Amino acid sequence: MTHTTHTSRLETDQPYDRFMSLFMGSERAIRAYVRSLLLSSQDVDDLMQDIGLKCWQKFDQFDPEGSALDFTRWCCVISRFEILRFRRNKARDRLVLSDEVISLLATDAEQRLEQSEAEQLALRDCINKISDPDRRLLLSVHTAGDSISRIASESNQKRRRLYSRVNMLRSQIADCVRETINLRSTSS
């Protein structure tokens, strides 16, 4: 009997774990989407809690085969309705945007979300194309416990030379990202 209880608990934990994994991975994009539709950062914070709860309540309606990108888009649709509900509740405030403006902002935010996702994917691909030492050097600026100074001392190279190399790598990566996005948009 204990085994049955344990199994059913594991079964109920799996959807929650999957939801949390997907939501945590998408939260930044969802927050950016919501922020583009609301005036107050406090409203964004308050609404994000409601959106997280609403998404969890409706998670059984999400396609189990859906990708993380599908989940983000699904959450943005729910967010849009939660924003409209929120706006109706705050209609007495003077700085309330019309439904048409919210719709335009939502469309723009969805396009920016897609652009941001395309840029992140291209950036990941471009960073993976460079050599491991160059990748470490480039990412050392953003990695805790690593630095250009540390790499300079390990490799007996001058810091100034490495900083110049980082700038050159950033330029190459930026060019690669632009080219990758252009290629993908023309082939779609």
Protein backbone atom coordinates (compact mmCIF):
# COMPACT_ATOMS: atom_id res chain seq x y z
CA MET A 1 0.00 0.00 0.00
CA THR A 2 2.87 2.36 0.73
CA HIS A 3 4.28 1.66 -2.72
CA THR A 4 1.00 2.70 -4.37
CA THR A 5 0.93 5.96 -2.42
CA HIS A 6 4.56 6.63 -3.33
CA THR A 7 3.90 5.92 -7.03
CA SER A 8 0.85 8.17 -7.18
CA ARG A 9 2.79 10.94 -5.45
CA LEU A 10 5.57 10.62 -8.03
CA GLU A 11 3.00 10.78 -10.80
CA THR A 12 1.55 14.00 -9.40
CA ASP A 13 5.02 15.49 -8.89
CA GLN A 14 6.05 14.91 -12.53
CA PRO A 15 3.66 17.45 -14.10
CA TYR A 16 4.61 19.99 -11.43
CA ASP A 17 8.31 19.40 -12.00
CA ARG A 18 7.88 19.72 -15.79
CA PHE A 19 5.79 22.87 -15.34
CA MET A 20 8.36 24.44 -13.01
CA SER A 21 11.19 23.58 -15.37
CA LEU A 22 9.38 25.08 -18.35
CA PHE A 23 8.12 28.13 -16.46
CA MET A 24 11.50 28.95 -14.93
CA GLY A 25 13.10 28.68 -18.37
CA SER A 26 10.45 30.94 -19.89
CA GLU A 27 9.90 33.41 -17.06
CA ARG A 28 12.28 36.05 -18.42
CA ALA A 29 10.58 36.08 -21.83
CA ILE A 30 7.10 36.08 -20.26
CA ARG A 31 8.09 38.93 -17.94
CA ALA A 32 9.43 40.94 -20.90
CA TYR A 33 6.15 40.32 -22.74
CA VAL A 34 4.08 41.44 -19.74
CA ARG A 35 6.34 44.44 -19.11
CA SER A 36 5.76 45.64 -22.66
CA LEU A 37 2.02 45.75 -22.00
CA LEU A 38 1.90 47.39 -18.57
CA LEU A 39 3.02 50.78 -17.32
CA SER A 40 4.07 49.92 -13.78
CA SER A 41 6.84 47.52 -12.78
CA GLN A 42 4.88 46.86 -9.58
CA ASP A 43 1.92 45.77 -11.71
CA VAL A 44 4.24 43.47 -13.65
CA ASP A 45 5.49 41.86 -10.43
CA ASP A 46 1.96 41.42 -9.09
CA LEU A 47 0.63 40.06 -12.36
CA MET A 48 3.53 37.62 -12.85
CA GLN A 49 2.42 35.81 -9.71
CA ASP A 50 -1.15 35.57 -11.03
CA ILE A 51 0.12 34.45 -14.44
CA GLY A 52 2.28 31.72 -12.91
CA LEU A 53 -0.68 30.43 -10.92
CA LYS A 54 -3.06 30.61 -13.90
CA CYS A 55 -0.55 28.79 -16.14
CA TRP A 56 -0.17 26.05 -13.51
CA GLN A 57 -3.97 25.75 -13.19
CA LYS A 58 -4.26 25.33 -16.97
CA PHE A 59 -1.11 23.24 -17.43
CA ASP A 60 -3.16 20.12 -18.12
CA GLN A 61 -4.35 21.91 -21.30
CA PHE A 62 -0.79 22.40 -22.58
CA ASP A 63 0.29 19.91 -25.26
CA PRO A 64 2.52 17.36 -23.47
CA GLU A 65 4.62 17.11 -26.65
CA GLY A 66 5.07 20.89 -26.78
CA SER A 67 8.54 22.43 -26.77
CA ALA A 68 9.86 25.10 -24.41
CA LEU A 69 9.15 27.69 -27.13
CA ASP A 70 5.58 26.39 -27.44
CA PHE A 71 5.23 26.70 -23.67
CA THR A 72 6.49 30.31 -23.71
CA ARG A 73 4.01 31.22 -26.43
CA TRP A 74 1.22 29.42 -24.57
CA CYS A 75 2.06 31.38 -21.40
CA CYS A 76 2.05 34.64 -23.36
CA VAL A 77 -1.48 33.92 -24.57
CA ILE A 78 -2.58 33.31 -20.99
CA SER A 79 -0.69 36.45 -19.95
CA ARG A 80 -2.54 38.51 -22.51
CA PHE A 81 -5.90 37.46 -21.06
CA GLU A 82 -4.66 38.03 -17.52
CA ILE A 83 -3.52 41.53 -18.52
CA LEU A 84 -6.95 42.28 -20.00
CA ARG A 85 -8.60 41.01 -16.79
CA PHE A 86 -6.18 43.08 -14.71
CA ARG A 87 -6.93 46.17 -16.80
CA ARG A 88 -10.66 45.75 -16.35
CA ASN A 89 -10.10 45.60 -12.59
CA LYS A 90 -7.99 48.77 -12.71
CA ALA A 91 -10.29 50.63 -15.13
CA ARG A 92 -10.87 53.37 -12.57
CA ASP A 93 -7.22 54.47 -12.93
CA ARG A 94 -6.61 57.31 -15.36
CA LEU A 95 -3.60 55.75 -17.08
CA VAL A 96 -5.34 52.75 -18.60
CA LEU A 97 -4.60 51.82 -22.20
CA SER A 98 -7.41 50.94 -24.59
CA ASP A 99 -7.93 47.35 -25.74
CA GLU A 100 -6.74 48.37 -29.22
CA VAL A 101 -3.48 49.76 -27.87
CA ILE A 102 -2.98 46.65 -25.73
CA SER A 103 -3.58 44.52 -28.81
CA LEU A 104 -1.01 46.49 -30.83
CA LEU A 105 1.50 46.31 -27.97
CA ALA A 106 0.87 42.58 -27.59
CA THR A 107 1.48 41.97 -31.28
CA ASP A 108 4.68 44.00 -31.13
CA ALA A 109 5.83 42.16 -27.99
CA GLU A 110 5.17 38.78 -29.64
CA GLN A 111 7.27 39.82 -32.64
CA ARG A 112 10.07 41.02 -30.36
CA LEU A 113 9.88 37.74 -28.45
CA GLU A 114 10.34 35.79 -31.68
CA GLN A 115 13.22 38.09 -32.69
CA SER A 116 14.85 37.67 -29.29
CA GLU A 117 14.53 33.88 -29.51
CA ALA A 118 16.05 33.91 -33.00
CA GLU A 119 18.93 36.07 -31.77
CA GLN A 120 19.58 33.80 -28.77
CA LEU A 121 19.59 30.70 -30.95
CA ALA A 122 21.92 32.34 -33.49
CA LEU A 123 24.19 33.57 -30.69
CA ARG A 124 24.42 30.07 -29.21
CA ASP A 125 25.22 28.62 -32.65
CA CYS A 126 27.85 31.28 -33.38
CA ILE A 127 29.55 30.90 -30.00
CA ASN A 128 29.71 27.13 -30.56
CA LYS A 129 31.58 27.74 -33.85
CA ILE A 130 34.60 29.38 -32.21
CA SER A 131 37.48 27.46 -30.65
CA ASP A 132 37.33 26.43 -26.99
CA PRO A 133 40.09 28.86 -25.92
CA ASP A 134 38.40 31.76 -27.74
CA ARG A 135 35.03 30.78 -26.27
CA ARG A 136 36.50 30.71 -22.76
CA LEU A 137 38.14 34.10 -23.33
CA LEU A 138 34.93 35.61 -24.69
CA LEU A 139 32.76 34.21 -21.90
CA SER A 140 35.30 34.91 -19.13
CA VAL A 141 33.94 38.44 -18.83
CA HIS A 142 30.55 36.97 -17.86
CA THR A 143 31.64 33.88 -15.91
CA ALA A 144 32.00 34.00 -12.14
CA GLY A 145 35.48 32.96 -11.05
CA ASP A 146 37.03 33.53 -14.47
CA SER A 147 38.57 36.68 -15.87
CA ILE A 148 40.78 37.98 -18.60
CA SER A 149 43.45 38.69 -15.99
CA ARG A 150 43.37 35.07 -14.90
CA ILE A 151 43.60 33.82 -18.48
CA ALA A 152 46.45 36.28 -19.15
CA SER A 153 48.45 34.94 -16.21
CA GLU A 154 47.71 31.30 -17.12
CA SER A 155 48.73 31.80 -20.75
CA ASN A 156 51.59 34.30 -20.18
CA GLN A 157 49.91 36.82 -22.46
CA LYS A 158 49.35 40.51 -21.97
CA ARG A 159 45.90 41.52 -20.77
CA ARG A 160 45.69 44.31 -23.35
CA ARG A 161 46.21 41.76 -26.13
CA LEU A 162 43.45 39.56 -24.71
CA TYR A 163 41.06 42.50 -24.36
CA SER A 164 41.72 43.31 -28.03
CA ARG A 165 41.03 39.67 -28.87
CA VAL A 166 37.73 39.79 -26.92
CA ASN A 167 36.66 42.89 -28.87
CA MET A 168 37.54 41.20 -32.14
CA LEU A 169 35.63 38.03 -31.10
CA ARG A 170 32.59 40.12 -30.12
CA SER A 171 32.63 41.74 -33.53
CA GLN A 172 32.91 38.35 -35.26
CA ILE A 173 30.07 36.93 -33.16
CA ALA A 174 27.86 39.95 -33.89
CA ASP A 175 28.51 39.55 -37.64
CA CYS A 176 27.83 35.81 -37.40
CA VAL A 177 24.54 36.41 -35.54
CA ARG A 178 23.38 38.92 -38.17
CA GLU A 179 24.33 36.58 -41.03
CA THR A 180 22.71 33.57 -39.34
CA ILE A 181 19.45 35.43 -38.73
CA ASN A 182 19.43 36.75 -42.31
CA LEU A 183 20.07 33.26 -43.71
CA ARG A 184 17.36 31.71 -41.56
CA SER A 185 14.83 34.42 -42.42
CA THR A 186 15.45 34.10 -46.17
CA SER A 187 15.26 30.29 -46.06
CA SER A 188 11.96 30.31 -44.11
